[in-house]
Amino acid sequence: MLTLEKQARRLGHLVIAGVDEAGRGPLAGPVVAGAVALREDAKIEGLTDSKQLTEKKRNELYDVIRESAVSFCVAHVSHEVIDSINILQATLRAMLKAVEGLDPEPDFVLIDGMQTIINWPGPQKAVVKGDSLSLSIAAGSVLAKVTRDAMMAEYSRQYPEYGFERHKGYGSAYHREAIAKHGPCPIHRKTFRGVREFTEGFNAANVQKNKEEPAQLELIK
């Protein structure tokens, strides 16, 4: 899974970062991006796309990745921004913030997906299914997923009626039933199908819970 990184090094790039996101599809919560520049000799057994890993394995790899990295950063973009600029642009913004938070700055960036990062001035390459082809991208995906899951678990304590600790904001039957019963809460994405149908007649402000952000840093280095 280091083939793409080796190709970049043969072109003269020294600090190569991979970036991936977690949380494009959920009906609630932020989208989170993780960027990781691994050491050239990094070997992380069992690391692949975070969606293919168990929660236990992701949590185990989280610390291993951080210890194997030259630099790493996790950034998130809120549900309000997602509703304002759409999920694609919010995802790219989160990725940009994560890459900008790396120190040293990467001189080549591998991105999971079909689009490069808007406003990133350096060399970059979008890789379809990159989280299963690049160790750096897979590392970013794990950091993003573990961080976002922790944020949603914190939100579940603020809004227990929605069961965020169970589904992490994705559109499970339980979650959809909770929205239908209680209406959207302050962290729901009001422009998403499955939520927007319930925004009329319900006021998210009526969910009387603590609305503060969970105890997570926007940039985690």
Protein backbone atom coordinates (compact mmCIF):
# COMPACT_ATOMS: atom_id res chain seq x y z
CA MET A 1 0.00 0.00 0.00
CA LEU A 2 3.01 2.28 -0.28
CA THR A 3 3.22 2.15 -4.09
CA LEU A 4 1.77 5.64 -4.57
CA GLU A 5 4.08 7.08 -1.93
CA LYS A 6 7.10 5.42 -3.57
CA GLN A 7 6.11 6.84 -6.94
CA ALA A 8 5.94 10.32 -5.43
CA ARG A 9 9.35 9.90 -3.81
CA ARG A 10 10.86 8.85 -7.12
CA LEU A 11 9.68 12.22 -8.44
CA GLY A 12 11.65 13.95 -5.71
CA HIS A 13 8.92 14.56 -3.13
CA LEU A 14 10.06 14.01 0.45
CA VAL A 15 7.05 14.72 2.69
CA ILE A 16 4.03 12.88 1.29
CA ALA A 17 0.67 13.18 3.01
CA GLY A 18 -2.53 11.24 2.59
CA VAL A 19 -5.91 12.76 3.42
CA ASP A 20 -9.37 11.26 3.78
CA GLU A 21 -12.69 12.17 5.35
CA ALA A 22 -15.32 10.67 7.60
CA GLY A 23 -18.92 11.77 7.76
CA ARG A 24 -20.06 12.78 4.29
CA GLY A 25 -23.24 10.74 4.43
CA PRO A 26 -24.69 11.19 7.93
CA LEU A 27 -27.78 13.23 8.70
CA ALA A 28 -26.11 14.95 11.66
CA GLY A 29 -22.79 16.20 12.92
CA PRO A 30 -19.61 17.44 11.27
CA VAL A 31 -17.53 16.14 8.41
CA VAL A 32 -14.01 15.33 9.60
CA ALA A 33 -10.78 15.04 7.62
CA GLY A 34 -7.55 13.39 8.65
CA ALA A 35 -4.18 14.14 7.03
CA VAL A 36 -1.12 12.01 7.74
CA ALA A 37 2.47 12.13 6.52
CA LEU A 38 4.02 8.79 7.45
CA ARG A 39 7.69 8.04 7.93
CA GLU A 40 9.25 6.50 4.83
CA ASP A 41 9.89 3.23 6.68
CA ALA A 42 6.42 3.05 8.25
CA LYS A 43 4.89 -0.42 8.44
CA ILE A 44 1.45 -0.57 10.04
CA GLU A 45 0.04 -4.08 10.12
CA GLY A 46 -3.67 -4.36 9.36
CA LEU A 47 -4.11 -0.77 8.18
CA THR A 48 -6.62 -0.32 5.39
CA ASP A 49 -9.76 1.70 4.64
CA SER A 50 -11.31 2.55 8.02
CA LYS A 51 -14.73 1.38 6.80
CA GLN A 52 -13.32 -2.15 6.48
CA LEU A 53 -12.03 -2.20 10.05
CA THR A 54 -13.83 -2.94 13.29
CA GLU A 55 -14.18 -0.16 15.82
CA LYS A 56 -11.75 -1.98 18.11
CA LYS A 57 -9.14 -2.26 15.35
CA ARG A 58 -9.53 1.40 14.39
CA ASN A 59 -8.99 2.45 17.98
CA GLU A 60 -5.89 0.24 18.23
CA LEU A 61 -4.46 1.70 15.02
CA TYR A 62 -5.16 5.29 16.06
CA ASP A 63 -2.15 5.50 18.38
CA VAL A 64 0.05 3.39 16.10
CA ILE A 65 -0.58 5.81 13.23
CA ARG A 66 0.24 8.83 15.35
CA GLU A 67 3.50 7.20 16.47
CA SER A 68 4.39 6.28 12.86
CA ALA A 69 3.76 9.74 11.46
CA VAL A 70 6.13 12.56 10.65
CA SER A 71 3.06 14.77 11.06
CA PHE A 72 -0.70 14.40 11.38
CA CYS A 73 -3.68 16.70 11.72
CA VAL A 74 -7.43 16.23 12.04
CA ALA A 75 -9.91 19.01 11.23
CA HIS A 76 -13.68 19.25 11.09
CA VAL A 77 -16.31 21.41 9.43
CA SER A 78 -19.60 21.86 11.24
CA HIS A 79 -23.12 20.92 10.25
CA GLU A 80 -23.95 24.64 9.86
CA VAL A 81 -21.25 25.06 7.24
CA ILE A 82 -22.34 21.86 5.50
CA ASP A 83 -25.85 23.30 5.19
CA SER A 84 -24.43 26.60 3.97
CA ILE A 85 -22.01 25.46 1.25
CA ASN A 86 -23.00 21.78 0.61
CA ILE A 87 -21.31 18.59 1.72
CA LEU A 88 -18.77 18.38 -1.12
CA GLN A 89 -17.41 21.87 -0.53
CA ALA A 90 -17.45 21.30 3.23
CA THR A 91 -15.48 18.07 2.77
CA LEU A 92 -12.86 19.80 0.64
CA ARG A 93 -12.64 22.60 3.20
CA ALA A 94 -12.05 20.09 6.01
CA MET A 95 -9.36 18.39 3.93
CA LEU A 96 -7.67 21.71 3.23
CA LYS A 97 -7.68 22.59 6.94
CA ALA A 98 -6.18 19.21 7.82
CA VAL A 99 -3.41 19.46 5.23
CA GLU A 100 -2.66 23.06 6.22
CA GLY A 101 -2.25 21.87 9.80
CA LEU A 102 0.63 19.53 8.95
CA ASP A 103 4.11 20.51 10.09
CA PRO A 104 6.32 20.03 8.19
CA GLU A 105 4.21 21.07 5.23
CA PRO A 106 3.83 18.25 2.70
CA ASP A 107 5.28 18.69 -0.76
CA PHE A 108 2.88 16.11 -2.23
CA VAL A 109 -0.67 15.21 -1.16
CA LEU A 110 -2.66 12.07 -1.98
CA ILE A 111 -6.42 12.56 -1.67
CA ASP A 112 -9.07 9.88 -1.45
CA GLY A 113 -11.73 10.37 -4.11
CA MET A 114 -12.10 12.05 -7.46
CA GLN A 115 -11.36 15.68 -6.61
CA THR A 116 -8.24 17.52 -5.62
CA ILE A 117 -8.28 20.07 -2.81
CA ILE A 118 -9.35 23.54 -3.87
CA ASN A 119 -6.89 26.26 -2.80
CA TRP A 120 -4.07 23.86 -1.95
CA PRO A 121 -1.14 25.27 -3.96
CA GLY A 122 1.16 22.27 -3.92
CA PRO A 123 1.28 19.09 -6.02
CA GLN A 124 -1.57 16.71 -5.29
CA LYS A 125 -3.30 13.67 -6.74
CA ALA A 126 -6.85 12.40 -6.28
CA VAL A 127 -7.04 8.62 -6.05
CA VAL A 128 -10.32 6.74 -6.42
CA LYS A 129 -10.56 4.17 -3.60
CA GLY A 130 -7.33 5.66 -2.33
CA ASP A 131 -8.01 4.47 1.22
CA SER A 132 -7.45 0.90 0.01
CA LEU A 133 -4.46 1.79 -2.21
CA SER A 134 -2.39 4.20 -0.12
CA LEU A 135 -1.17 3.64 3.42
CA SER A 136 -1.09 7.39 4.04
CA ILE A 137 -4.69 7.87 2.91
CA ALA A 138 -5.80 4.86 4.96
CA ALA A 139 -4.06 6.38 7.99
CA GLY A 140 -5.93 9.64 7.45
CA SER A 141 -9.21 7.77 7.16
CA VAL A 142 -8.68 6.05 10.52
CA LEU A 143 -7.80 9.27 12.34
CA ALA A 144 -10.84 10.99 10.82
CA LYS A 145 -13.22 8.14 11.65
CA VAL A 146 -12.05 7.64 15.24
CA THR A 147 -12.19 11.38 15.90
CA ARG A 148 -15.66 11.78 14.42
CA ASP A 149 -17.03 8.76 16.28
CA ALA A 150 -15.77 10.28 19.54
CA MET A 151 -17.46 13.58 18.71
CA MET A 152 -20.76 11.84 17.99
CA ALA A 153 -20.52 9.87 21.24
CA GLU A 154 -20.14 13.20 23.05
CA TYR A 155 -23.14 14.60 21.19
CA SER A 156 -25.15 11.54 22.29
CA ARG A 157 -24.81 12.72 25.87
CA GLN A 158 -26.20 16.12 24.91
CA TYR A 159 -29.03 14.72 22.77
CA PRO A 160 -29.65 11.18 24.13
CA GLU A 161 -33.01 10.75 22.42
CA TYR A 162 -31.32 10.35 19.01
CA GLY A 163 -28.88 7.53 19.84
CA PHE A 164 -25.88 9.11 18.14
CA GLU A 165 -23.54 6.73 19.97
CA ARG A 166 -25.17 3.86 18.05
CA HIS A 167 -25.26 5.10 14.46
CA LYS A 168 -22.91 8.14 14.54
CA GLY A 169 -25.49 10.25 12.75
CA TYR A 170 -26.07 7.94 9.79
CA GLY A 171 -29.61 7.35 8.60
CA SER A 172 -30.43 4.13 10.43
CA ALA A 173 -34.05 3.16 11.04
CA TYR A 174 -33.63 4.05 14.73
CA HIS A 175 -32.26 7.48 13.86
CA ARG A 176 -34.98 8.23 11.32
CA GLU A 177 -37.66 7.22 13.81
CA ALA A 178 -36.11 9.53 16.42
CA ILE A 179 -36.14 12.46 13.98
CA ALA A 180 -39.78 11.77 13.13
CA LYS A 181 -40.67 11.67 16.82
CA HIS A 182 -38.57 14.52 18.21
CA GLY A 183 -37.80 16.62 15.15
CA PRO A 184 -34.27 17.68 14.22
CA CYS A 185 -31.88 18.73 16.98
CA PRO A 186 -29.33 21.55 16.65
CA ILE A 187 -26.64 19.36 15.05
CA HIS A 188 -28.83 17.88 12.31
CA ARG A 189 -28.04 18.80 8.71
CA LYS A 190 -31.19 20.68 7.80
CA THR A 191 -30.61 20.48 4.03
CA PHE A 192 -30.31 16.67 3.98
CA ARG A 193 -33.14 14.43 2.88
CA GLY A 194 -34.45 12.68 5.95
CA VAL A 195 -34.08 15.86 7.99
CA ARG A 196 -35.39 18.70 5.86
CA GLU A 197 -38.83 17.08 5.68
CA PHE A 198 -39.14 17.63 9.42
CA THR A 199 -37.78 21.16 9.72
CA GLU A 200 -41.22 22.74 9.28
CA GLY A 201 -43.29 22.35 12.40
CA PHE A 202 -40.25 21.48 14.49
CA ASN A 203 -37.77 23.96 15.90
CA ALA A 204 -34.36 22.52 16.68
CA ALA A 205 -33.99 25.10 19.42
CA ASN A 206 -36.83 23.37 21.26
CA VAL A 207 -34.55 20.46 22.04
CA GLN A 208 -33.44 21.83 25.38
CA LYS A 209 -29.95 20.43 25.70
CA ASN A 210 -26.46 21.83 25.94
CA LYS A 211 -25.57 22.97 22.43
CA GLU A 212 -21.86 23.47 22.94
CA GLU A 213 -19.35 21.69 20.73
CA PRO A 214 -18.01 18.44 22.17
CA ALA A 215 -14.64 18.58 23.85
CA GLN A 216 -12.67 18.09 20.63
CA LEU A 217 -10.07 20.39 19.13
CA GLU A 218 -10.82 21.57 15.62
CA LEU A 219 -7.21 20.88 14.73
CA ILE A 220 -5.55 17.92 16.39
CA LYS A 221 -1.83 17.65 15.82
